[in-house]
N, C-alpha and C. Protein backbone atom coordinates (compact mmCIF):
# COMPACT_ATOMS: atom_id res chain seq x y z
N MET A 1 -12.99 -12.12 1.70
CA MET A 1 -13.60 -11.00 2.43
C MET A 1 -12.95 -9.72 1.62
N LEU A 2 -11.39 -9.66 1.45
CA LEU A 2 -10.80 -8.63 0.85
C LEU A 2 -11.95 -8.16 -0.78
N VAL A 3 -11.54 -9.32 -1.31
CA VAL A 3 -12.20 -9.12 -2.88
C VAL A 3 -13.91 -8.71 -2.71
N ASP A 4 -14.55 -9.11 -1.62
CA ASP A 4 -15.94 -9.00 -1.63
C ASP A 4 -15.89 -7.35 -1.02
N ASN A 5 -14.90 -6.77 -0.43
CA ASN A 5 -15.17 -5.42 0.15
C ASN A 5 -14.38 -4.24 -0.71
N TYR A 6 -13.55 -4.82 -1.31
CA TYR A 6 -12.66 -3.70 -1.83
C TYR A 6 -12.41 -3.86 -3.66
N ASP A 7 -12.44 -2.95 -4.23
CA ASP A 7 -11.96 -2.95 -5.55
C ASP A 7 -10.49 -2.80 -6.07
N LEU A 8 -9.95 -2.32 -5.18
CA LEU A 8 -8.44 -2.14 -5.35
C LEU A 8 -7.80 -2.69 -3.77
N ILE A 9 -6.78 -3.77 -4.07
CA ILE A 9 -6.24 -4.07 -3.07
C ILE A 9 -4.59 -4.10 -3.29
N LYS A 10 -4.05 -3.39 -2.27
CA LYS A 10 -2.16 -3.36 -2.33
C LYS A 10 -1.59 -4.21 -1.70
N PHE A 11 -0.58 -4.77 -2.14
CA PHE A 11 0.23 -5.50 -1.07
C PHE A 11 1.78 -4.97 -1.30
N GLU A 12 2.60 -4.96 -0.19
CA GLU A 12 3.82 -4.73 -0.27
C GLU A 12 4.40 -5.68 -1.28
N ASP A 13 5.29 -5.42 -2.32
CA ASP A 13 5.91 -6.51 -2.93
C ASP A 13 7.29 -7.19 -2.41
N LEU A 14 6.75 -7.63 -1.22
CA LEU A 14 7.97 -8.36 -0.18
C LEU A 14 8.68 -9.60 -0.73
N GLN A 15 10.17 -9.28 -0.68
CA GLN A 15 10.78 -10.50 -1.26
C GLN A 15 10.89 -11.63 -0.19
N ILE A 16 9.75 -12.46 -0.25
CA ILE A 16 10.08 -13.25 0.62
C ILE A 16 10.96 -14.59 0.77
N LYS A 17 11.49 -14.68 -0.20
CA LYS A 17 13.03 -15.50 0.03
C LYS A 17 14.01 -14.80 0.47
N ASN A 18 13.84 -13.68 -0.18
CA ASN A 18 15.34 -13.04 1.01
C ASN A 18 14.71 -12.93 2.55
N MET A 19 13.55 -12.88 2.86
CA MET A 19 13.31 -12.64 4.16
C MET A 19 13.40 -13.89 4.75
N VAL A 20 13.49 -14.87 4.48
CA VAL A 20 13.30 -16.17 5.12
C VAL A 20 14.80 -16.45 5.28
N GLN A 21 15.86 -15.92 4.56
CA GLN A 21 17.43 -15.99 5.08
C GLN A 21 17.79 -15.73 6.24
N ASN A 22 16.67 -15.11 7.01
CA ASN A 22 17.06 -14.56 8.65
C ASN A 22 16.61 -15.98 9.23
N HIS A 23 17.47 -16.31 9.72
CA HIS A 23 17.21 -17.59 10.25
C HIS A 23 16.38 -17.71 11.84
N HIS A 24 16.20 -16.46 12.41
CA HIS A 24 15.71 -16.27 13.60
C HIS A 24 13.98 -15.83 13.18
N LEU A 25 13.89 -15.43 11.97
CA LEU A 25 12.14 -15.26 11.48
C LEU A 25 12.14 -15.95 10.75
N ALA A 26 12.80 -17.25 9.95
CA ALA A 26 12.67 -18.16 8.79
C ALA A 26 10.88 -18.71 9.03
N LYS A 27 10.99 -19.43 10.08
CA LYS A 27 10.18 -20.37 10.59
C LYS A 27 8.45 -19.44 10.51
N SER A 28 8.86 -18.57 11.13
CA SER A 28 7.43 -17.43 11.37
C SER A 28 7.01 -16.73 9.87
N ILE A 29 7.94 -16.54 9.34
CA ILE A 29 7.52 -15.89 7.90
C ILE A 29 6.82 -17.27 6.94
N SER A 30 7.58 -18.45 7.12
CA SER A 30 7.24 -19.35 6.17
C SER A 30 5.77 -19.82 6.74
N ASP A 31 5.53 -19.89 7.98
CA ASP A 31 4.34 -20.08 8.52
C ASP A 31 3.39 -19.34 7.95
N ALA A 32 3.22 -18.18 7.89
CA ALA A 32 2.46 -17.10 7.56
C ALA A 32 1.92 -17.25 6.30
N GLY A 33 2.46 -17.98 5.23
CA GLY A 33 1.84 -18.08 3.97
C GLY A 33 1.79 -16.72 3.33
N TRP A 34 2.61 -15.93 3.39
CA TRP A 34 2.37 -14.65 2.70
C TRP A 34 2.12 -14.73 1.00
N TYR A 35 3.11 -15.42 0.56
CA TYR A 35 2.97 -15.61 -1.01
C TYR A 35 1.51 -16.32 -1.48
N GLN A 36 1.19 -17.30 -0.49
CA GLN A 36 0.09 -18.21 -1.16
C GLN A 36 -1.33 -17.12 -0.83
N LEU A 37 -1.16 -16.10 0.36
CA LEU A 37 -2.33 -14.89 0.19
C LEU A 37 -2.52 -14.26 -0.80
N MET A 38 -1.12 -13.93 -1.06
CA MET A 38 -1.23 -12.77 -2.31
C MET A 38 -1.39 -13.49 -3.50
N ASN A 39 -1.08 -14.53 -3.83
CA ASN A 39 -1.36 -15.51 -5.32
C ASN A 39 -3.09 -15.45 -5.36
N LEU A 40 -3.46 -15.98 -3.86
CA LEU A 40 -5.06 -16.48 -4.05
C LEU A 40 -5.83 -15.20 -4.10
N THR A 41 -5.31 -14.17 -3.49
CA THR A 41 -6.06 -12.81 -3.38
C THR A 41 -6.02 -12.36 -4.87
N GLU A 42 -4.79 -12.57 -5.61
CA GLU A 42 -4.89 -11.87 -7.10
C GLU A 42 -5.89 -12.63 -7.98
N TYR A 43 -5.80 -14.00 -7.84
CA TYR A 43 -6.52 -14.61 -8.58
C TYR A 43 -8.24 -14.44 -8.36
N LYS A 44 -8.61 -14.19 -7.10
CA LYS A 44 -10.12 -14.18 -6.72
C LYS A 44 -10.38 -12.93 -7.11
N ALA A 45 -9.42 -11.82 -7.02
CA ALA A 45 -9.89 -10.17 -7.42
C ALA A 45 -9.82 -10.25 -8.88
N ALA A 46 -9.04 -10.92 -9.85
CA ALA A 46 -9.12 -10.99 -11.35
C ALA A 46 -10.46 -11.75 -11.97
N TYR A 47 -10.99 -13.00 -10.87
CA TYR A 47 -12.04 -13.37 -11.56
C TYR A 47 -13.30 -12.54 -10.88
N ALA A 48 -13.20 -11.91 -10.18
CA ALA A 48 -14.36 -10.75 -9.87
C ALA A 48 -14.12 -9.45 -10.60
N GLY A 49 -13.22 -9.42 -11.42
CA GLY A 49 -13.33 -7.95 -12.15
C GLY A 49 -12.58 -6.92 -11.05
N LYS A 50 -12.01 -7.20 -10.01
CA LYS A 50 -11.31 -5.93 -9.01
C LYS A 50 -9.72 -6.38 -9.44
N PHE A 51 -8.99 -5.57 -8.97
CA PHE A 51 -7.66 -5.15 -8.91
C PHE A 51 -6.72 -5.48 -7.59
N VAL A 52 -5.61 -6.06 -7.90
CA VAL A 52 -4.56 -6.11 -7.08
C VAL A 52 -3.18 -5.56 -7.57
N GLU A 53 -2.63 -4.56 -6.62
CA GLU A 53 -1.27 -4.06 -7.08
C GLU A 53 -0.50 -4.32 -6.06
N PHE A 54 0.90 -4.70 -6.47
CA PHE A 54 2.08 -4.72 -5.75
C PHE A 54 3.13 -3.59 -5.65
N VAL A 55 3.17 -3.06 -4.49
CA VAL A 55 3.66 -1.78 -4.47
C VAL A 55 5.27 -2.16 -4.04
N ASN A 56 6.28 -0.80 -3.95
CA ASN A 56 7.52 -1.12 -3.55
C ASN A 56 7.20 -0.87 -1.94
N PRO A 57 8.10 -1.68 -1.05
CA PRO A 57 7.71 -1.57 0.19
C PRO A 57 8.52 -0.49 0.93
N ALA A 58 9.50 0.07 0.13
CA ALA A 58 9.94 1.24 0.60
C ALA A 58 9.38 2.28 1.14
N GLY A 59 9.38 2.74 2.45
CA GLY A 59 8.41 3.90 3.16
C GLY A 59 7.36 3.54 3.37
N THR A 60 6.85 2.34 2.63
CA THR A 60 5.27 2.31 2.67
C THR A 60 4.62 2.06 4.64
N SER A 61 5.35 2.14 5.26
CA SER A 61 4.79 2.09 6.75
C SER A 61 4.82 3.43 7.39
N GLN A 62 5.33 4.31 6.55
CA GLN A 62 5.25 5.66 7.28
C GLN A 62 4.64 6.84 6.54
N THR A 63 3.99 6.50 5.37
CA THR A 63 3.62 7.27 4.44
C THR A 63 2.05 6.97 3.90
N CYS A 64 1.12 7.55 4.08
CA CYS A 64 -0.21 7.36 3.85
C CYS A 64 -0.53 7.40 2.44
N ILE A 65 -1.40 6.72 1.71
CA ILE A 65 -1.33 7.08 0.33
C ILE A 65 -2.04 8.30 -0.31
N CYS A 66 -2.50 9.02 0.69
CA CYS A 66 -2.92 10.64 0.28
C CYS A 66 -1.56 11.27 0.35
N GLY A 67 -0.46 10.69 1.07
CA GLY A 67 0.95 11.60 1.26
C GLY A 67 1.06 11.99 2.41
N TYR A 68 0.32 11.87 3.39
CA TYR A 68 0.18 12.33 4.65
C TYR A 68 1.25 11.67 5.76
N PRO A 69 2.12 11.89 6.22
CA PRO A 69 3.14 10.97 7.08
C PRO A 69 2.48 10.60 8.38
N VAL A 70 2.54 9.13 8.50
CA VAL A 70 1.97 8.49 9.48
C VAL A 70 3.01 7.49 10.39
N SER A 71 3.05 8.02 11.53
CA SER A 71 4.26 7.09 12.18
C SER A 71 3.79 5.88 12.66
N LYS A 72 4.25 4.62 12.48
CA LYS A 72 3.68 3.46 13.09
C LYS A 72 4.91 2.79 13.38
N ASP A 73 4.65 1.64 14.36
CA ASP A 73 5.41 0.71 14.58
C ASP A 73 5.16 -0.54 13.91
N LEU A 74 5.93 -1.76 14.41
CA LEU A 74 5.35 -2.90 13.61
C LEU A 74 4.16 -3.63 14.01
N SER A 75 3.80 -3.14 15.32
CA SER A 75 2.55 -3.66 15.80
C SER A 75 1.14 -3.38 15.28
N VAL A 76 1.43 -2.03 14.30
CA VAL A 76 0.02 -1.68 13.96
C VAL A 76 -0.26 -2.50 12.52
N ARG A 77 -1.31 -3.43 12.47
CA ARG A 77 -1.46 -4.13 11.48
C ARG A 77 -2.31 -3.43 10.31
N ILE A 78 -3.46 -2.68 10.79
CA ILE A 78 -4.29 -1.97 9.70
C ILE A 78 -4.06 -0.36 9.76
N HIS A 79 -3.80 -0.06 8.32
CA HIS A 79 -3.85 1.27 8.08
C HIS A 79 -5.13 2.04 8.03
N ARG A 80 -5.05 3.38 8.88
CA ARG A 80 -6.27 4.05 8.76
C ARG A 80 -5.63 5.50 8.09
N CYS A 81 -6.17 5.99 7.07
CA CYS A 81 -5.97 7.30 6.78
C CYS A 81 -6.29 8.25 7.65
N PRO A 82 -5.39 9.20 7.92
CA PRO A 82 -5.61 10.18 8.94
C PRO A 82 -6.69 11.10 8.68
N PRO A 83 -7.41 11.52 9.45
CA PRO A 83 -8.60 12.56 9.04
C PRO A 83 -7.74 14.06 8.36
N VAL A 84 -8.36 14.58 7.36
CA VAL A 84 -7.97 15.55 6.89
C VAL A 84 -8.08 16.80 7.57
N VAL A 85 -7.50 17.89 7.96
CA VAL A 85 -7.81 19.09 8.73
C VAL A 85 -8.01 20.28 7.22
N LEU A 86 -8.79 20.73 7.20
CA LEU A 86 -8.95 21.64 6.32
C LEU A 86 -8.84 23.18 7.04
């Protein structure tokens, strides 16, 4: 669905191996299959002539790609670019 609907897909370049060192979260992180999702998406995108980028996760939750600050907590799963006021 991602590759069918988008020409450019961006993932945070998360350090999964470091994240699973937290014994409280390790099982949940491992169960989520983040690495497999990123690899398969990258493979499918390349096959379809689309692009996947991995971006530094620092500050990605608080700044929109357009540069507008967007405060969110961890329960927000989908980012929507805020409307631009002219």
